[in-house]
C-alpha atoms as a PDB file:
ATOM      1  CA  UNK A   1     -62.154 -11.442 -13.156  1.00  0.00           C
ATOM      2  CA  UNK A   2     -60.699 -14.221 -11.024  1.00  0.00           C
ATOM      3  CA  UNK A   3     -59.679 -17.535 -12.544  1.00  0.00           C
ATOM      4  CA  UNK A   4     -59.009 -21.056 -11.287  1.00  0.00           C
ATOM      5  CA  UNK A   5     -56.475 -23.586 -12.527  1.00  0.00           C
ATOM      6  CA  UNK A   6     -57.210 -26.730 -10.504  1.00  0.00           C
ATOM      7  CA  UNK A   7     -57.206 -30.408 -11.425  1.00  0.00           C
ATOM      8  CA  UNK A   8     -58.418 -33.414  -9.416  1.00  0.00           C
ATOM      9  CA  UNK A   9     -57.709 -36.911 -10.706  1.00  0.00           C
ATOM     10  CA  UNK A  10     -57.976 -40.479  -9.462  1.00  0.00           C
ATOM     11  CA  UNK A  11     -56.194 -43.096 -11.495  1.00  0.00           C
ATOM     12  CA  UNK A  12     -53.413 -45.642 -11.699  1.00  0.00           C
ATOM     13  CA  UNK A  13     -49.741 -45.012 -12.376  1.00  0.00           C
ATOM     14  CA  UNK A  14     -48.517 -46.231 -15.747  1.00  0.00           C
ATOM     15  CA  UNK A  15     -44.875 -46.527 -14.668  1.00  0.00           C
ATOM     16  CA  UNK A  16     -42.569 -46.107 -11.698  1.00  0.00           C
ATOM     17  CA  UNK A  17     -41.583 -42.474 -11.019  1.00  0.00           C
ATOM     18  CA  UNK A  18     -38.613 -41.139 -12.977  1.00  0.00           C
ATOM     19  CA  UNK A  19     -36.538 -38.910 -10.706  1.00  0.00           C
ATOM     20  CA  UNK A  20     -34.356 -36.027 -11.869  1.00  0.00           C
ATOM     21  CA  UNK A  21     -32.132 -34.030  -9.536  1.00  0.00           C
ATOM     22  CA  UNK A  22     -31.258 -30.377 -10.103  1.00  0.00           C
ATOM     23  CA  UNK A  23     -28.884 -27.911  -8.454  1.00  0.00           C
ATOM     24  CA  UNK A  24     -29.539 -27.212  -4.812  1.00  0.00           C
ATOM     25  CA  UNK A  25     -30.759 -30.762  -4.137  1.00  0.00           C
ATOM     26  CA  UNK A  26     -34.115 -30.020  -5.815  1.00  0.00           C
ATOM     27  CA  UNK A  27     -35.912 -33.057  -7.254  1.00  0.00           C
ATOM     28  CA  UNK A  28     -38.731 -33.691  -9.700  1.00  0.00           C
ATOM     29  CA  UNK A  29     -40.585 -36.984 -10.164  1.00  0.00           C
ATOM     30  CA  UNK A  30     -42.272 -37.565 -13.512  1.00  0.00           C
ATOM     31  CA  UNK A  31     -45.033 -40.176 -13.721  1.00  0.00           C
ATOM     32  CA  UNK A  32     -47.980 -40.989 -15.953  1.00  0.00           C
ATOM     33  CA  UNK A  33     -51.474 -41.448 -14.562  1.00  0.00           C
ATOM     34  CA  UNK A  34     -54.244 -43.304 -16.395  1.00  0.00           C
ATOM     35  CA  UNK A  35     -57.878 -42.347 -15.834  1.00  0.00           C
ATOM     36  CA  UNK A  36     -60.535 -44.549 -17.415  1.00  0.00           C
ATOM     37  CA  UNK A  37     -64.220 -43.880 -17.995  1.00  0.00           C
ATOM     38  CA  UNK A  38     -66.669 -46.605 -18.971  1.00  0.00           C
ATOM     39  CA  UNK A  39     -69.983 -46.246 -20.764  1.00  0.00           C
ATOM     40  CA  UNK A  40     -72.303 -48.210 -23.027  1.00  0.00           C
ATOM     41  CA  UNK A  41     -72.575 -47.308 -26.688  1.00  0.00           C
ATOM     42  CA  UNK A  42     -75.822 -47.263 -28.718  1.00  0.00           C
ATOM     43  CA  UNK A  43     -75.606 -51.025 -29.241  1.00  0.00           C
ATOM     44  CA  UNK A  44     -75.236 -51.633 -25.487  1.00  0.00           C
ATOM     45  CA  UNK A  45     -71.575 -52.609 -25.677  1.00  0.00           C
ATOM     46  CA  UNK A  46     -69.296 -51.537 -22.857  1.00  0.00           C
ATOM     47  CA  UNK A  47     -66.719 -48.985 -24.044  1.00  0.00           C
ATOM     48  CA  UNK A  48     -63.701 -47.882 -22.017  1.00  0.00           C
ATOM     49  CA  UNK A  49     -61.827 -44.670 -22.758  1.00  0.00           C
ATOM     50  CA  UNK A  50     -58.443 -44.179 -21.075  1.00  0.00           C
ATOM     51  CA  UNK A  51     -56.738 -40.779 -20.834  1.00  0.00           C
ATOM     52  CA  UNK A  52     -53.054 -40.537 -19.930  1.00  0.00           C
ATOM     53  CA  UNK A  53     -51.837 -37.585 -17.858  1.00  0.00           C
ATOM     54  CA  UNK A  54     -48.215 -36.514 -17.394  1.00  0.00           C
ATOM     55  CA  UNK A  55     -47.610 -35.560 -13.761  1.00  0.00           C
ATOM     56  CA  UNK A  56     -44.671 -33.717 -12.253  1.00  0.00           C
ATOM     57  CA  UNK A  57     -44.097 -33.841  -8.512  1.00  0.00           C
ATOM     58  CA  UNK A  58     -41.494 -31.475  -7.013  1.00  0.00           C
ATOM     59  CA  UNK A  59     -39.355 -31.228  -3.883  1.00  0.00           C
ATOM     60  CA  UNK A  60     -39.891 -33.449  -0.870  1.00  0.00           C
ATOM     61  CA  UNK A  61     -43.010 -34.906  -2.497  1.00  0.00           C
ATOM     62  CA  UNK A  62     -40.730 -36.271  -5.253  1.00  0.00           C
ATOM     63  CA  UNK A  63     -38.688 -38.124  -2.616  1.00  0.00           C
ATOM     64  CA  UNK A  64     -41.886 -39.598  -1.184  1.00  0.00           C
ATOM     65  CA  UNK A  65     -43.068 -40.554  -4.677  1.00  0.00           C
ATOM     66  CA  UNK A  66     -39.737 -42.247  -5.410  1.00  0.00           C
ATOM     67  CA  UNK A  67     -39.951 -44.245  -2.199  1.00  0.00           C
ATOM     68  CA  UNK A  68     -43.625 -45.311  -2.209  1.00  0.00           C
ATOM     69  CA  UNK A  69     -45.186 -45.016  -5.673  1.00  0.00           C
ATOM     70  CA  UNK A  70     -44.945 -47.923  -8.105  1.00  0.00           C
ATOM     71  CA  UNK A  71     -46.469 -48.803 -11.465  1.00  0.00           C
ATOM     72  CA  UNK A  72     -50.148 -49.658 -10.945  1.00  0.00           C
ATOM     73  CA  UNK A  73     -50.490 -47.683  -7.686  1.00  0.00           C
ATOM     74  CA  UNK A  74     -53.848 -45.959  -7.306  1.00  0.00           C
ATOM     75  CA  UNK A  75     -53.491 -42.249  -6.592  1.00  0.00           C
ATOM     76  CA  UNK A  76     -55.700 -39.240  -5.854  1.00  0.00           C
ATOM     77  CA  UNK A  77     -54.001 -36.110  -7.202  1.00  0.00           C
ATOM     78  CA  UNK A  78     -54.664 -32.387  -6.925  1.00  0.00           C
ATOM     79  CA  UNK A  79     -52.699 -29.946  -9.017  1.00  0.00           C
ATOM     80  CA  UNK A  80     -52.746 -27.399 -11.805  1.00  0.00           C
ATOM     81  CA  UNK A  81     -52.373 -27.535 -15.568  1.00  0.00           C
ATOM     82  CA  UNK A  82     -49.007 -26.411 -16.885  1.00  0.00           C
ATOM     83  CA  UNK A  83     -48.190 -26.135 -20.603  1.00  0.00           C
ATOM     84  CA  UNK A  84     -44.559 -26.387 -21.673  1.00  0.00           C
ATOM     85  CA  UNK A  85     -43.637 -24.878 -25.040  1.00  0.00           C
ATOM     86  CA  UNK A  86     -40.345 -25.141 -26.933  1.00  0.00           C
ATOM     87  CA  UNK A  87     -38.877 -24.961 -30.388  1.00  0.00           C
ATOM     88  CA  UNK A  88     -36.404 -27.369 -31.972  1.00  0.00           C
ATOM     89  CA  UNK A  89     -35.048 -27.241 -35.514  1.00  0.00           C
ATOM     90  CA  UNK A  90     -37.698 -24.706 -36.498  1.00  0.00           C
ATOM     91  CA  UNK A  91     -40.597 -26.837 -35.227  1.00  0.00           C
ATOM     92  CA  UNK A  92     -42.794 -25.739 -32.328  1.00  0.00           C
ATOM     93  CA  UNK A  93     -43.766 -28.277 -29.689  1.00  0.00           C
ATOM     94  CA  UNK A  94     -45.941 -28.202 -26.596  1.00  0.00           C
ATOM     95  CA  UNK A  95     -46.865 -30.619 -23.842  1.00  0.00           C
ATOM     96  CA  UNK A  96     -49.511 -30.378 -21.137  1.00  0.00           C
ATOM     97  CA  UNK A  97     -48.528 -31.542 -17.663  1.00  0.00           C
ATOM     98  CA  UNK A  98     -50.194 -31.595 -14.283  1.00  0.00           C
ATOM     99  CA  UNK A  99     -48.042 -29.946 -11.606  1.00  0.00           C
ATOM    100  CA  UNK A 100     -49.028 -31.874  -8.477  1.00  0.00           C
ATOM    101  CA  UNK A 101     -49.717 -29.826  -5.349  1.00  0.00           C
ATOM    102  CA  UNK A 102     -50.921 -32.774  -3.241  1.00  0.00           C
ATOM    103  CA  UNK A 103     -51.487 -36.482  -3.585  1.00  0.00           C
ATOM    104  CA  UNK A 104     -52.981 -39.319  -1.574  1.00  0.00           C
ATOM    105  CA  UNK A 105     -52.073 -42.955  -2.049  1.00  0.00           C
ATOM    106  CA  UNK A 106     -55.205 -45.071  -2.418  1.00  0.00           C
ATOM    107  CA  UNK A 107     -55.831 -48.762  -2.937  1.00  0.00           C
ATOM    108  CA  UNK A 108     -54.181 -51.475  -0.916  1.00  0.00           C
ATOM    109  CA  UNK A 109     -52.463 -50.526   2.304  1.00  0.00           C
ATOM    110  CA  UNK A 110     -48.723 -50.154   2.661  1.00  0.00           C
ATOM    111  CA  UNK A 111     -46.980 -52.474   5.162  1.00  0.00           C
ATOM    112  CA  UNK A 112     -46.576 -49.679   7.742  1.00  0.00           C
ATOM    113  CA  UNK A 113     -50.158 -48.339   7.464  1.00  0.00           C
ATOM    114  CA  UNK A 114     -53.165 -49.275   9.537  1.00  0.00           C
ATOM    115  CA  UNK A 115     -56.166 -50.907   7.872  1.00  0.00           C
ATOM    116  CA  UNK A 116     -58.115 -47.733   6.980  1.00  0.00           C
ATOM    117  CA  UNK A 117     -55.439 -45.060   6.847  1.00  0.00           C
ATOM    118  CA  UNK A 118     -53.905 -43.476   3.771  1.00  0.00           C
ATOM    119  CA  UNK A 119     -50.986 -41.083   3.485  1.00  0.00           C
ATOM    120  CA  UNK A 120     -51.670 -37.631   2.105  1.00  0.00           C
ATOM    121  CA  UNK A 121     -48.888 -35.325   0.933  1.00  0.00           C
ATOM    122  CA  UNK A 122     -49.403 -31.640   0.304  1.00  0.00           C
ATOM    123  CA  UNK A 123     -47.033 -29.051  -1.052  1.00  0.00           C
ATOM    124  CA  UNK A 124     -46.537 -25.658   0.558  1.00  0.00           C
ATOM    125  CA  UNK A 125     -45.654 -22.622  -1.523  1.00  0.00           C
ATOM    126  CA  UNK A 126     -41.937 -23.067  -0.796  1.00  0.00           C
ATOM    127  CA  UNK A 127     -41.873 -26.646  -2.178  1.00  0.00           C
ATOM    128  CA  UNK A 128     -41.533 -28.130   1.308  1.00  0.00           C
ATOM    129  CA  UNK A 129     -43.957 -30.856   2.239  1.00  0.00           C
ATOM    130  CA  UNK A 130     -46.123 -31.769   5.151  1.00  0.00           C
ATOM    131  CA  UNK A 131     -47.779 -35.119   5.501  1.00  0.00           C
ATOM    132  CA  UNK A 132     -50.489 -36.425   7.710  1.00  0.00           C
ATOM    133  CA  UNK A 133     -52.325 -39.657   8.039  1.00  0.00           C
ATOM    134  CA  UNK A 134     -56.016 -39.398   7.253  1.00  0.00           C
ATOM    135  CA  UNK A 135     -58.646 -41.983   8.047  1.00  0.00           C
ATOM    136  CA  UNK A 136     -60.523 -42.100   4.767  1.00  0.00           C
ATOM    137  CA  UNK A 137     -60.102 -41.650   1.066  1.00  0.00           C
ATOM    138  CA  UNK A 138     -61.479 -38.444  -0.465  1.00  0.00           C
ATOM    139  CA  UNK A 139     -65.251 -38.554  -0.870  1.00  0.00           C
ATOM    140  CA  UNK A 140     -66.100 -37.611  -4.415  1.00  0.00           C
ATOM    141  CA  UNK A 141     -69.601 -38.968  -4.769  1.00  0.00           C
ATOM    142  CA  UNK A 142     -71.282 -35.555  -5.014  1.00  0.00           C
ATOM    143  CA  UNK A 143     -72.207 -33.824  -8.266  1.00  0.00           C
ATOM    144  CA  UNK A 144     -69.360 -33.405 -10.761  1.00  0.00           C
ATOM    145  CA  UNK A 145     -66.878 -35.028  -8.379  1.00  0.00           C
ATOM    146  CA  UNK A 146     -67.434 -32.441  -5.649  1.00  0.00           C
ATOM    147  CA  UNK A 147     -67.024 -33.867  -2.139  1.00  0.00           C
ATOM    148  CA  UNK A 148     -70.330 -34.511  -0.363  1.00  0.00           C
ATOM    149  CA  UNK A 149     -69.335 -32.014   2.337  1.00  0.00           C
ATOM    150  CA  UNK A 150     -69.533 -29.198  -0.265  1.00  0.00           C
ATOM    151  CA  UNK A 151     -72.833 -30.335  -1.775  1.00  0.00           C
ATOM    152  CA  UNK A 152     -74.981 -27.935   0.292  1.00  0.00           C
ATOM    153  CA  UNK A 153     -72.946 -24.884  -0.787  1.00  0.00           C
ATOM    154  CA  UNK A 154     -73.236 -25.455  -4.542  1.00  0.00           C
ATOM    155  CA  UNK A 155     -75.492 -23.041  -6.429  1.00  0.00           C
ATOM    156  CA  UNK A 156     -77.034 -25.789  -8.592  1.00  0.00           C
END
């Protein structure tokens, strides 16, 4: 049976990217992304629940993240869940991260961008990166966050 490991998030960065360099000029950028949902409880009070996600961005995307991403930046991220496990002094630890495969900067425009354009960065299998300017933010108003363009192909 086939399986899927895919994550889509829109949120705000909790800190500036932390960059680490490895052998062979390979980089990783570690950032935290906050996603917040709002709802009303039984008494009608507004409740906000914030989840924090650890993101890792590799290769050329890490260089782009270092240059353009700042604390508070709004970001659309696609990636996959990755669990790290280790043992220290007889204790077992684990941490869940999102390995970013592509991201799009949302929110206010950068000084070198046109009014409605955003930059999208996507990883290839070899950790190289391509980027292209797109004219709109991802449309996620369909059911369960599925883009409207896919709405007609859903079985429900």
